[in-house]
Amino acid sequence: FATVLGTLWDTPKDAAEFAAALAKRPALHCERQGDAVAVVAGVPAAQARTVARAYVRVLRQAPLKAH
């Protein structure tokens, strides 16, 4: 099974802190851009990187942001 988690944070700093915490987990691949973070688990690293990068681009384009 593959799992993808996409998150949007209040600030880029919050996103960076979340991504840094996940970097300590070798089974997860994390990509961050600005306030968006995508996390992928359950697939080989090369595929996880591709999926995470694509997903974080989608998150950055998401029109829904509650502030």
PDB file of N, CA and C in Angstrom:
ATOM      1  N   PHE A   1       0.826  -1.180   0.000  1.00  0.00           N
ATOM      2  CA  PHE A   1       0.000   0.000   0.000  1.00  0.00           C
ATOM      3  C   PHE A   1       0.875   1.250   0.000  1.00  0.00           C
ATOM      4  N   ALA A   2       0.452   2.233  -0.743  1.00  0.00           N
ATOM      5  CA  ALA A   2       1.133   3.529  -0.742  1.00  0.00           C
ATOM      6  C   ALA A   2       0.255   4.522   0.005  1.00  0.00           C
ATOM      7  N   THR A   3       0.898   5.419   0.702  1.00  0.00           N
ATOM      8  CA  THR A   3       0.194   6.466   1.423  1.00  0.00           C
ATOM      9  C   THR A   3       0.787   7.808   1.038  1.00  0.00           C
ATOM     10  N   VAL A   4      -0.103   8.768   0.753  1.00  0.00           N
ATOM     11  CA  VAL A   4       0.325  10.138   0.461  1.00  0.00           C
ATOM     12  C   VAL A   4      -0.414  11.064   1.408  1.00  0.00           C
ATOM     13  N   LEU A   5       0.335  11.908   2.077  1.00  0.00           N
ATOM     14  CA  LEU A   5      -0.229  12.908   2.977  1.00  0.00           C
ATOM     15  C   LEU A   5       0.185  14.275   2.471  1.00  0.00           C
ATOM     16  N   GLY A   6      -0.776  15.124   2.203  1.00  0.00           N
ATOM     17  CA  GLY A   6      -0.488  16.488   1.789  1.00  0.00           C
ATOM     18  C   GLY A   6      -0.961  17.461   2.842  1.00  0.00           C
ATOM     19  N   THR A   7      -0.102  18.403   3.198  1.00  0.00           N
ATOM     20  CA  THR A   7      -0.464  19.375   4.228  1.00  0.00           C
ATOM     21  C   THR A   7      -0.125  20.785   3.768  1.00  0.00           C
ATOM     22  N   LEU A   8      -0.946  21.727   4.191  1.00  0.00           N
ATOM     23  CA  LEU A   8      -0.676  23.156   4.018  1.00  0.00           C
ATOM     24  C   LEU A   8      -0.574  23.760   5.409  1.00  0.00           C
ATOM     25  N   TRP A   9       0.501  24.484   5.665  1.00  0.00           N
ATOM     26  CA  TRP A   9       0.770  25.043   6.985  1.00  0.00           C
ATOM     27  C   TRP A   9       0.504  26.539   6.999  1.00  0.00           C
ATOM     28  N   ASP A  10       0.355  27.107   8.192  1.00  0.00           N
ATOM     29  CA  ASP A  10       0.107  28.542   8.327  1.00  0.00           C
ATOM     30  C   ASP A  10       1.263  29.374   7.793  1.00  0.00           C
ATOM     31  N   THR A  11       2.473  28.872   7.973  1.00  0.00           N
ATOM     32  CA  THR A  11       3.659  29.610   7.515  1.00  0.00           C
ATOM     33  C   THR A  11       4.667  28.629   6.916  1.00  0.00           C
ATOM     34  N   PRO A  12       5.558  29.119   6.065  1.00  0.00           N
ATOM     35  CA  PRO A  12       6.631  28.265   5.573  1.00  0.00           C
ATOM     36  C   PRO A  12       7.515  27.729   6.701  1.00  0.00           C
ATOM     37  N   LYS A  13       7.691  28.496   7.757  1.00  0.00           N
ATOM     38  CA  LYS A  13       8.492  28.040   8.900  1.00  0.00           C
ATOM     39  C   LYS A  13       7.851  26.814   9.550  1.00  0.00           C
ATOM     40  N   ASP A  14       6.526  26.844   9.721  1.00  0.00           N
ATOM     41  CA  ASP A  14       5.825  25.682  10.291  1.00  0.00           C
ATOM     42  C   ASP A  14       6.008  24.458   9.392  1.00  0.00           C
ATOM     43  N   ALA A  15       5.898  24.662   8.080  1.00  0.00           N
ATOM     44  CA  ALA A  15       6.077  23.563   7.130  1.00  0.00           C
ATOM     45  C   ALA A  15       7.492  23.001   7.213  1.00  0.00           C
ATOM     46  N   ALA A  16       8.479  23.876   7.335  1.00  0.00           N
ATOM     47  CA  ALA A  16       9.873  23.442   7.428  1.00  0.00           C
ATOM     48  C   ALA A  16      10.109  22.621   8.698  1.00  0.00           C
ATOM     49  N   GLU A  17       9.504  23.022   9.796  1.00  0.00           N
ATOM     50  CA  GLU A  17       9.651  22.277  11.048  1.00  0.00           C
ATOM     51  C   GLU A  17       9.042  20.885  10.929  1.00  0.00           C
ATOM     52  N   PHE A  18       7.877  20.795  10.302  1.00  0.00           N
ATOM     53  CA  PHE A  18       7.218  19.506  10.091  1.00  0.00           C
ATOM     54  C   PHE A  18       8.082  18.614   9.196  1.00  0.00           C
ATOM     55  N   ALA A  19       8.556  19.166   8.090  1.00  0.00           N
ATOM     56  CA  ALA A  19       9.386  18.398   7.162  1.00  0.00           C
ATOM     57  C   ALA A  19      10.679  17.934   7.834  1.00  0.00           C
ATOM     58  N   ALA A  20      11.267  18.783   8.652  1.00  0.00           N
ATOM     59  CA  ALA A  20      12.505  18.412   9.354  1.00  0.00           C
ATOM     60  C   ALA A  20      12.264  17.255  10.317  1.00  0.00           C
ATOM     61  N   ALA A  21      11.136  17.262  10.991  1.00  0.00           N
ATOM     62  CA  ALA A  21      10.814  16.179  11.916  1.00  0.00           C
ATOM     63  C   ALA A  21      10.643  14.857  11.160  1.00  0.00           C
ATOM     64  N   LEU A  22      10.067  14.913   9.973  1.00  0.00           N
ATOM     65  CA  LEU A  22       9.859  13.700   9.192  1.00  0.00           C
ATOM     66  C   LEU A  22      11.133  13.195   8.534  1.00  0.00           C
ATOM     67  N   ALA A  23      12.097  14.065   8.338  1.00  0.00           N
ATOM     68  CA  ALA A  23      13.352  13.672   7.700  1.00  0.00           C
ATOM     69  C   ALA A  23      14.088  12.613   8.513  1.00  0.00           C
ATOM     70  N   LYS A  24      13.748  12.493   9.770  1.00  0.00           N
ATOM     71  CA  LYS A  24      14.393  11.510  10.646  1.00  0.00           C
ATOM     72  C   LYS A  24      13.818  10.107  10.456  1.00  0.00           C
ATOM     73  N   ARG A  25      12.806   9.984   9.612  1.00  0.00           N
ATOM     74  CA  ARG A  25      12.150   8.700   9.372  1.00  0.00           C
ATOM     75  C   ARG A  25      12.505   8.194   7.973  1.00  0.00           C
ATOM     76  N   PRO A  26      13.385   7.214   7.883  1.00  0.00           N
ATOM     77  CA  PRO A  26      13.869   6.779   6.566  1.00  0.00           C
ATOM     78  C   PRO A  26      12.806   6.138   5.674  1.00  0.00           C
ATOM     79  N   ALA A  27      11.714   5.658   6.223  1.00  0.00           N
ATOM     80  CA  ALA A  27      10.666   5.021   5.412  1.00  0.00           C
ATOM     81  C   ALA A  27       9.772   6.044   4.721  1.00  0.00           C
ATOM     82  N   LEU A  28       9.945   7.327   5.058  1.00  0.00           N
ATOM     83  CA  LEU A  28       9.108   8.375   4.487  1.00  0.00           C
ATOM     84  C   LEU A  28       9.917   9.251   3.548  1.00  0.00           C
ATOM     85  N   HIS A  29       9.258   9.693   2.493  1.00  0.00           N
ATOM     86  CA  HIS A  29       9.885  10.698   1.630  1.00  0.00           C
ATOM     87  C   HIS A  29       9.051  11.969   1.737  1.00  0.00           C
ATOM     88  N   CYS A  30       9.708  13.076   2.008  1.00  0.00           N
ATOM     89  CA  CYS A  30       9.031  14.344   2.250  1.00  0.00           C
ATOM     90  C   CYS A  30       9.546  15.399   1.281  1.00  0.00           C
ATOM     91  N   GLU A  31       8.626  16.146   0.692  1.00  0.00           N
ATOM     92  CA  GLU A  31       8.972  17.284  -0.157  1.00  0.00           C
ATOM     93  C   GLU A  31       8.252  18.505   0.391  1.00  0.00           C
ATOM     94  N   ARG A  32       8.953  19.641   0.390  1.00  0.00           N
ATOM     95  CA  ARG A  32       8.345  20.879   0.882  1.00  0.00           C
ATOM     96  C   ARG A  32       8.619  21.999  -0.110  1.00  0.00           C
ATOM     97  N   GLN A  33       7.604  22.829  -0.291  1.00  0.00           N
ATOM     98  CA  GLN A  33       7.754  24.054  -1.063  1.00  0.00           C
ATOM     99  C   GLN A  33       6.891  25.103  -0.385  1.00  0.00           C
ATOM    100  N   GLY A  34       7.534  26.109   0.164  1.00  0.00           N
ATOM    101  CA  GLY A  34       6.777  27.146   0.874  1.00  0.00           C
ATOM    102  C   GLY A  34       6.027  26.553   2.051  1.00  0.00           C
ATOM    103  N   ASP A  35       4.705  26.749   2.061  1.00  0.00           N
ATOM    104  CA  ASP A  35       3.888  26.256   3.172  1.00  0.00           C
ATOM    105  C   ASP A  35       3.291  24.878   2.910  1.00  0.00           C
ATOM    106  N   ALA A  36       3.662  24.233   1.800  1.00  0.00           N
ATOM    107  CA  ALA A  36       3.119  22.934   1.431  1.00  0.00           C
ATOM    108  C   ALA A  36       4.132  21.826   1.686  1.00  0.00           C
ATOM    109  N   VAL A  37       3.637  20.713   2.243  1.00  0.00           N
ATOM    110  CA  VAL A  37       4.472  19.537   2.484  1.00  0.00           C
ATOM    111  C   VAL A  37       3.711  18.312   2.006  1.00  0.00           C
ATOM    112  N   ALA A  38       4.388  17.463   1.237  1.00  0.00           N
ATOM    113  CA  ALA A  38       3.829  16.180   0.820  1.00  0.00           C
ATOM    114  C   ALA A  38       4.721  15.080   1.370  1.00  0.00           C
ATOM    115  N   VAL A  39       4.088  14.047   1.902  1.00  0.00           N
ATOM    116  CA  VAL A  39       4.800  12.917   2.489  1.00  0.00           C
ATOM    117  C   VAL A  39       4.308  11.648   1.801  1.00  0.00           C
ATOM    118  N   VAL A  40       5.236  10.796   1.377  1.00  0.00           N
ATOM    119  CA  VAL A  40       4.891   9.549   0.699  1.00  0.00           C
ATOM    120  C   VAL A  40       5.556   8.391   1.430  1.00  0.00           C
ATOM    121  N   ALA A  41       4.798   7.314   1.613  1.00  0.00           N
ATOM    122  CA  ALA A  41       5.320   6.102   2.241  1.00  0.00           C
ATOM    123  C   ALA A  41       4.812   4.895   1.471  1.00  0.00           C
ATOM    124  N   GLY A  42       5.579   3.823   1.513  1.00  0.00           N
ATOM    125  CA  GLY A  42       5.120   2.566   0.957  1.00  0.00           C
ATOM    126  C   GLY A  42       5.481   2.318  -0.492  1.00  0.00           C
ATOM    127  N   VAL A  43       6.335   3.144  -1.079  1.00  0.00           N
ATOM    128  CA  VAL A  43       6.806   2.924  -2.450  1.00  0.00           C
ATOM    129  C   VAL A  43       8.319   3.138  -2.486  1.00  0.00           C
ATOM    130  N   PRO A  44       9.008   2.603  -3.499  1.00  0.00           N
ATOM    131  CA  PRO A  44      10.456   2.806  -3.599  1.00  0.00           C
ATOM    132  C   PRO A  44      10.812   4.296  -3.643  1.00  0.00           C
ATOM    133  N   ALA A  45      11.998   4.617  -3.167  1.00  0.00           N
ATOM    134  CA  ALA A  45      12.420   6.008  -3.000  1.00  0.00           C
ATOM    135  C   ALA A  45      12.294   6.839  -4.278  1.00  0.00           C
ATOM    136  N   ALA A  46      12.728   6.306  -5.410  1.00  0.00           N
ATOM    137  CA  ALA A  46      12.678   7.082  -6.660  1.00  0.00           C
ATOM    138  C   ALA A  46      11.237   7.433  -7.025  1.00  0.00           C
ATOM    139  N   GLN A  47      10.338   6.494  -6.869  1.00  0.00           N
ATOM    140  CA  GLN A  47       8.928   6.757  -7.155  1.00  0.00           C
ATOM    141  C   GLN A  47       8.323   7.690  -6.117  1.00  0.00           C
ATOM    142  N   ALA A  48       8.699   7.517  -4.865  1.00  0.00           N
ATOM    143  CA  ALA A  48       8.183   8.372  -3.799  1.00  0.00           C
ATOM    144  C   ALA A  48       8.560   9.820  -4.047  1.00  0.00           C
ATOM    145  N   ARG A  49       9.764  10.053  -4.470  1.00  0.00           N
ATOM    146  CA  ARG A  49      10.235  11.408  -4.760  1.00  0.00           C
ATOM    147  C   ARG A  49       9.402  12.037  -5.875  1.00  0.00           C
ATOM    148  N   THR A  50       9.148  11.283  -6.933  1.00  0.00           N
ATOM    149  CA  THR A  50       8.357  11.787  -8.058  1.00  0.00           C
ATOM    150  C   THR A  50       6.934  12.118  -7.629  1.00  0.00           C
ATOM    151  N   VAL A  51       6.325  11.218  -6.882  1.00  0.00           N
ATOM    152  CA  VAL A  51       4.952  11.435  -6.409  1.00  0.00           C
ATOM    153  C   VAL A  51       4.891  12.636  -5.472  1.00  0.00           C
ATOM    154  N   ALA A  52       5.823  12.714  -4.536  1.00  0.00           N
ATOM    155  CA  ALA A  52       5.814  13.813  -3.564  1.00  0.00           C
ATOM    156  C   ALA A  52       6.004  15.160  -4.249  1.00  0.00           C
ATOM    157  N   ARG A  53       6.898  15.233  -5.197  1.00  0.00           N
ATOM    158  CA  ARG A  53       7.118  16.503  -5.905  1.00  0.00           C
ATOM    159  C   ARG A  53       5.880  16.929  -6.679  1.00  0.00           C
ATOM    160  N   ALA A  54       5.240  15.974  -7.336  1.00  0.00           N
ATOM    161  CA  ALA A  54       4.018  16.298  -8.076  1.00  0.00           C
ATOM    162  C   ALA A  54       2.912  16.743  -7.126  1.00  0.00           C
ATOM    163  N   TYR A  55       2.786  16.060  -6.005  1.00  0.00           N
ATOM    164  CA  TYR A  55       1.720  16.379  -5.055  1.00  0.00           C
ATOM    165  C   TYR A  55       1.929  17.744  -4.412  1.00  0.00           C
ATOM    166  N   VAL A  56       3.156  18.084  -4.098  1.00  0.00           N
ATOM    167  CA  VAL A  56       3.412  19.389  -3.484  1.00  0.00           C
ATOM    168  C   VAL A  56       3.095  20.513  -4.489  1.00  0.00           C
ATOM    169  N   ARG A  57       3.331  20.276  -5.779  1.00  0.00           N
ATOM    170  CA  ARG A  57       2.946  21.273  -6.791  1.00  0.00           C
ATOM    171  C   ARG A  57       1.436  21.468  -6.811  1.00  0.00           C
ATOM    172  N   VAL A  58       0.693  20.380  -6.696  1.00  0.00           N
ATOM    173  CA  VAL A  58      -0.769  20.471  -6.652  1.00  0.00           C
ATOM    174  C   VAL A  58      -1.210  21.242  -5.419  1.00  0.00           C
ATOM    175  N   LEU A  59      -0.605  20.948  -4.288  1.00  0.00           N
ATOM    176  CA  LEU A  59      -0.964  21.657  -3.054  1.00  0.00           C
ATOM    177  C   LEU A  59      -0.732  23.158  -3.177  1.00  0.00           C
ATOM    178  N   ARG A  60       0.354  23.547  -3.811  1.00  0.00           N
ATOM    179  CA  ARG A  60       0.674  24.976  -3.956  1.00  0.00           C
ATOM    180  C   ARG A  60      -0.347  25.676  -4.839  1.00  0.00           C
ATOM    181  N   GLN A  61      -1.028  24.931  -5.704  1.00  0.00           N
ATOM    182  CA  GLN A  61      -2.032  25.509  -6.582  1.00  0.00           C
ATOM    183  C   GLN A  61      -3.432  25.445  -5.987  1.00  0.00           C
ATOM    184  N   ALA A  62      -3.591  24.758  -4.870  1.00  0.00           N
ATOM    185  CA  ALA A  62      -4.911  24.546  -4.266  1.00  0.00           C
ATOM    186  C   ALA A  62      -5.554  25.887  -3.915  1.00  0.00           C
ATOM    187  N   PRO A  63      -6.787  26.094  -4.362  1.00  0.00           N
ATOM    188  CA  PRO A  63      -7.454  27.371  -4.100  1.00  0.00           C
ATOM    189  C   PRO A  63      -7.982  27.492  -2.664  1.00  0.00           C
ATOM    190  N   LEU A  64      -8.056  26.383  -1.950  1.00  0.00           N
ATOM    191  CA  LEU A  64      -8.642  26.412  -0.606  1.00  0.00           C
ATOM    192  C   LEU A  64      -7.578  26.625   0.452  1.00  0.00           C
ATOM    193  N   LYS A  65      -7.596  27.781   1.051  1.00  0.00           N
ATOM    194  CA  LYS A  65      -6.718  28.081   2.184  1.00  0.00           C
ATOM    195  C   LYS A  65      -7.550  28.825   3.215  1.00  0.00           C
ATOM    196  N   ALA A  66      -7.692  28.235   4.357  1.00  0.00           N
ATOM    197  CA  ALA A  66      -8.467  28.871   5.428  1.00  0.00           C
ATOM    198  C   ALA A  66      -7.537  29.702   6.314  1.00  0.00           C
ATOM    199  N   HIS A  67      -7.702  30.999   6.285  1.00  0.00           N
ATOM    200  CA  HIS A  67      -6.932  31.885   7.161  1.00  0.00           C
ATOM    201  C   HIS A  67      -7.878  32.868   7.806  1.00  0.00           C
TER     202      HIS A  67
END
